[in-house]
């Protein structure tokens, strides 16, 4: 998944973090560190949950299987399609986006193609869509997980380079697990 049309939106601002944790004091360097912790924690939460926090435009490039008409997105929710391309002979060509649709976009998003949508020789498709949770209880839970993780990393003084080695608290893991999306299938014929 590649984010297009801008950067990943910050789910939790430094000010929100300070309010939630009753963090007092700090200087400009602390704010910069907190922002780095928050973005790293957000990445961990979004990857673990399969649910991007905040709407964004993304591009998926996936190999296709002959005869398949349905592809499950690897993240949820998916709110809109904006562009579809097919890979033929190493070059991307635009396909008619109106001949495809998203079904069950909130809970189990699927890219559904009409019969004849794909032509012979296509080896992959690229789908550009708007994804991400934008409000509701799941978003609140995932933002709280971001705060818990960033707080524990900040208090432990973990360096930015060590984020991949950092541990998550039980509370953060529980919040992520409650909101986790795992696609049930990848391709299906009809």
Protein backbone atom coordinates (compact mmCIF):
# COMPACT_ATOMS: atom_id res chain seq x y z
CA UNK A 1 0.00 0.00 0.00
CA UNK A 2 1.42 3.32 -1.07
CA UNK A 3 0.04 6.60 0.28
CA UNK A 4 -0.61 9.04 -2.59
CA UNK A 5 -1.61 12.68 -2.63
CA UNK A 6 0.07 13.77 0.58
CA UNK A 7 1.44 12.45 3.82
CA UNK A 8 -0.12 10.12 6.35
CA UNK A 9 -2.34 12.21 8.63
CA UNK A 10 -1.28 12.34 12.25
CA UNK A 11 -3.89 10.53 14.35
CA UNK A 12 -2.80 12.04 17.66
CA UNK A 13 -1.29 15.50 17.97
CA UNK A 14 1.32 16.39 20.58
CA UNK A 15 -1.27 18.61 22.28
CA UNK A 16 -3.79 15.71 22.38
CA UNK A 17 -1.10 13.44 23.81
CA UNK A 18 -0.24 15.96 26.53
CA UNK A 19 -3.91 16.35 27.50
CA UNK A 20 -4.49 12.60 27.59
CA UNK A 21 -1.41 11.86 29.69
CA UNK A 22 -1.43 15.01 31.82
CA UNK A 23 2.10 15.66 30.58
CA UNK A 24 3.32 18.92 32.01
CA UNK A 25 6.33 20.92 31.00
CA UNK A 26 8.65 19.92 28.28
CA UNK A 27 10.36 22.03 25.70
CA UNK A 28 10.54 22.19 21.92
CA UNK A 29 12.86 19.16 21.82
CA UNK A 30 10.35 17.14 23.86
CA UNK A 31 7.58 18.12 21.43
CA UNK A 32 9.68 16.98 18.47
CA UNK A 33 10.46 13.70 20.23
CA UNK A 34 6.81 13.20 21.15
CA UNK A 35 5.77 13.81 17.53
CA UNK A 36 8.24 11.14 16.38
CA UNK A 37 7.02 8.70 19.04
CA UNK A 38 3.40 9.35 18.06
CA UNK A 39 3.98 8.75 14.33
CA UNK A 40 5.96 5.57 15.03
CA UNK A 41 3.29 4.33 17.44
CA UNK A 42 0.60 5.15 14.87
CA UNK A 43 2.43 3.08 12.26
CA UNK A 44 2.64 0.15 14.67
CA UNK A 45 -1.07 0.40 15.54
CA UNK A 46 -2.20 0.74 11.92
CA UNK A 47 -0.06 -2.18 10.77
CA UNK A 48 -1.15 -4.41 13.66
CA UNK A 49 -4.84 -3.56 13.31
CA UNK A 50 -5.13 -3.36 9.52
CA UNK A 51 -7.09 -0.15 10.03
CA UNK A 52 -5.53 3.16 8.97
CA UNK A 53 -6.47 5.99 11.34
CA UNK A 54 -7.76 8.93 9.34
CA UNK A 55 -8.82 9.00 5.71
CA UNK A 56 -6.13 8.96 3.02
CA UNK A 57 -5.70 8.11 -0.65
CA UNK A 58 -3.65 4.98 -1.31
CA UNK A 59 -2.59 2.78 -4.20
CA UNK A 60 -2.49 -1.01 -4.16
CA UNK A 61 -0.61 -2.91 -6.88
CA UNK A 62 -1.45 -6.61 -6.86
CA UNK A 63 -0.86 -9.55 -9.19
CA UNK A 64 -4.11 -10.99 -10.51
CA UNK A 65 -5.26 -14.54 -10.97
CA UNK A 66 -7.07 -15.53 -14.15
CA UNK A 67 -10.85 -15.69 -13.78
CA UNK A 68 -11.01 -13.83 -10.49
CA UNK A 69 -13.58 -11.09 -10.17
CA UNK A 70 -13.29 -10.22 -6.47
CA UNK A 71 -10.27 -9.04 -4.47
CA UNK A 72 -10.27 -8.33 -0.72
CA UNK A 73 -8.50 -5.15 0.36
CA UNK A 74 -5.79 -5.75 2.98
CA UNK A 75 -7.09 -2.85 5.11
CA UNK A 76 -10.48 -1.59 6.25
CA UNK A 77 -12.48 0.52 5.82
CA UNK A 78 -12.46 1.50 2.15
CA UNK A 79 -14.82 4.34 1.30
CA UNK A 80 -14.23 5.12 -2.40
CA UNK A 81 -12.48 4.05 -5.59
CA UNK A 82 -10.73 6.74 -7.60
CA UNK A 83 -8.68 4.93 -10.26
CA UNK A 84 -8.05 1.42 -11.57
CA UNK A 85 -5.26 0.34 -13.92
CA UNK A 86 -4.22 -2.94 -15.47
CA UNK A 87 -0.66 -4.07 -16.18
CA UNK A 88 -0.24 -5.36 -19.73
CA UNK A 89 3.20 -6.01 -21.17
CA UNK A 90 4.92 -4.03 -18.44
CA UNK A 91 2.85 -0.84 -18.90
CA UNK A 92 -0.04 0.43 -16.77
CA UNK A 93 -3.24 1.27 -18.68
CA UNK A 94 -6.33 2.96 -17.23
CA UNK A 95 -9.42 0.78 -16.83
CA UNK A 96 -13.03 1.92 -16.54
CA UNK A 97 -13.48 2.55 -12.82
CA UNK A 98 -17.27 2.57 -13.27
CA UNK A 99 -17.12 -1.13 -14.22
CA UNK A 100 -15.85 -1.99 -10.73
CA UNK A 101 -17.09 -1.25 -7.23
CA UNK A 102 -16.34 -1.62 -3.53
CA UNK A 103 -18.65 -3.91 -1.58
CA UNK A 104 -18.83 -4.16 2.21
CA UNK A 105 -16.39 -1.25 2.42
CA UNK A 106 -16.67 -0.73 6.15
CA UNK A 107 -16.28 -4.27 7.52
CA UNK A 108 -14.87 -6.53 4.80
CA UNK A 109 -13.92 -4.35 1.82
CA UNK A 110 -13.89 -6.09 -1.54
CA UNK A 111 -12.98 -4.80 -4.98
CA UNK A 112 -15.57 -6.36 -7.31
CA UNK A 113 -15.03 -6.42 -11.08
CA UNK A 114 -17.69 -7.08 -13.70
CA UNK A 115 -17.25 -9.99 -16.11
CA UNK A 116 -14.92 -8.93 -18.92
CA UNK A 117 -13.35 -6.15 -16.82
CA UNK A 118 -9.90 -7.68 -17.15
CA UNK A 119 -8.49 -8.39 -20.57
CA UNK A 120 -6.22 -11.27 -21.57
CA UNK A 121 -2.59 -10.64 -20.79
CA UNK A 122 -3.12 -8.51 -17.69
CA UNK A 123 -0.77 -9.64 -14.98
CA UNK A 124 -1.63 -7.13 -12.25
CA UNK A 125 -4.06 -4.40 -11.28
CA UNK A 126 -3.52 -1.12 -9.47
CA UNK A 127 -6.39 0.19 -7.39
CA UNK A 128 -6.42 3.73 -5.99
CA UNK A 129 -8.90 4.23 -3.17
CA UNK A 130 -9.72 6.22 -0.08
CA UNK A 131 -9.14 4.18 3.07
CA UNK A 132 -9.14 4.79 6.80
CA UNK A 133 -11.28 5.13 9.88
CA UNK A 134 -12.64 8.62 10.24
CA UNK A 135 -14.57 8.77 13.51
CA UNK A 136 -16.36 6.36 15.80
CA UNK A 137 -15.46 4.01 18.63
CA UNK A 138 -12.81 2.07 16.68
CA UNK A 139 -10.93 5.26 15.88
CA UNK A 140 -11.01 6.30 19.55
CA UNK A 141 -9.71 2.90 20.65
CA UNK A 142 -6.87 2.94 18.12
CA UNK A 143 -5.92 6.50 19.05
CA UNK A 144 -5.80 5.43 22.70
CA UNK A 145 -3.48 2.57 21.71
CA UNK A 146 -1.22 5.09 19.95
CA UNK A 147 -1.12 7.20 23.12
CA UNK A 148 -0.37 4.21 25.37
CA UNK A 149 2.47 3.01 23.16
CA UNK A 150 4.01 6.46 22.69
CA UNK A 151 3.76 7.15 26.43
CA UNK A 152 5.53 3.93 27.37
CA UNK A 153 8.27 4.53 24.78
CA UNK A 154 8.75 8.14 25.87
CA UNK A 155 8.93 7.18 29.56
CA UNK A 156 11.37 4.37 28.79
CA UNK A 157 13.54 6.71 26.72
CA UNK A 158 13.56 4.37 23.74
CA UNK A 159 15.51 5.85 20.84
CA UNK A 160 13.76 6.36 17.51
CA UNK A 161 16.02 3.72 15.97
CA UNK A 162 14.79 1.13 18.50
CA UNK A 163 11.06 1.35 17.71
CA UNK A 164 11.07 -2.03 15.97
CA UNK A 165 12.39 -3.63 19.17
CA UNK A 166 10.00 -1.86 21.53
CA UNK A 167 7.33 -3.79 23.40
CA UNK A 168 3.65 -2.92 23.60
CA UNK A 169 1.67 -2.78 26.82
CA UNK A 170 -1.13 -5.23 27.49
CA UNK A 171 -3.67 -2.40 27.21
CA UNK A 172 -2.40 -1.31 23.80
CA UNK A 173 -2.44 -4.90 22.53
CA UNK A 174 -6.01 -5.37 23.77
CA UNK A 175 -7.23 -2.18 22.07
CA UNK A 176 -5.59 -3.19 18.78
CA UNK A 177 -6.97 -6.73 18.98
CA UNK A 178 -10.53 -5.43 19.48
CA UNK A 179 -10.33 -3.30 16.32
CA UNK A 180 -8.21 -5.63 14.17
CA UNK A 181 -9.22 -6.33 10.57
CA UNK A 182 -7.98 -9.50 8.90
CA UNK A 183 -9.17 -10.17 5.40
CA UNK A 184 -10.83 -13.57 5.07
CA UNK A 185 -9.79 -14.23 1.49
CA UNK A 186 -7.62 -12.65 -1.19
CA UNK A 187 -9.15 -13.61 -4.58
CA UNK A 188 -12.40 -15.30 -5.62
CA UNK A 189 -13.94 -16.05 -9.00
CA UNK A 190 -17.40 -14.54 -8.50
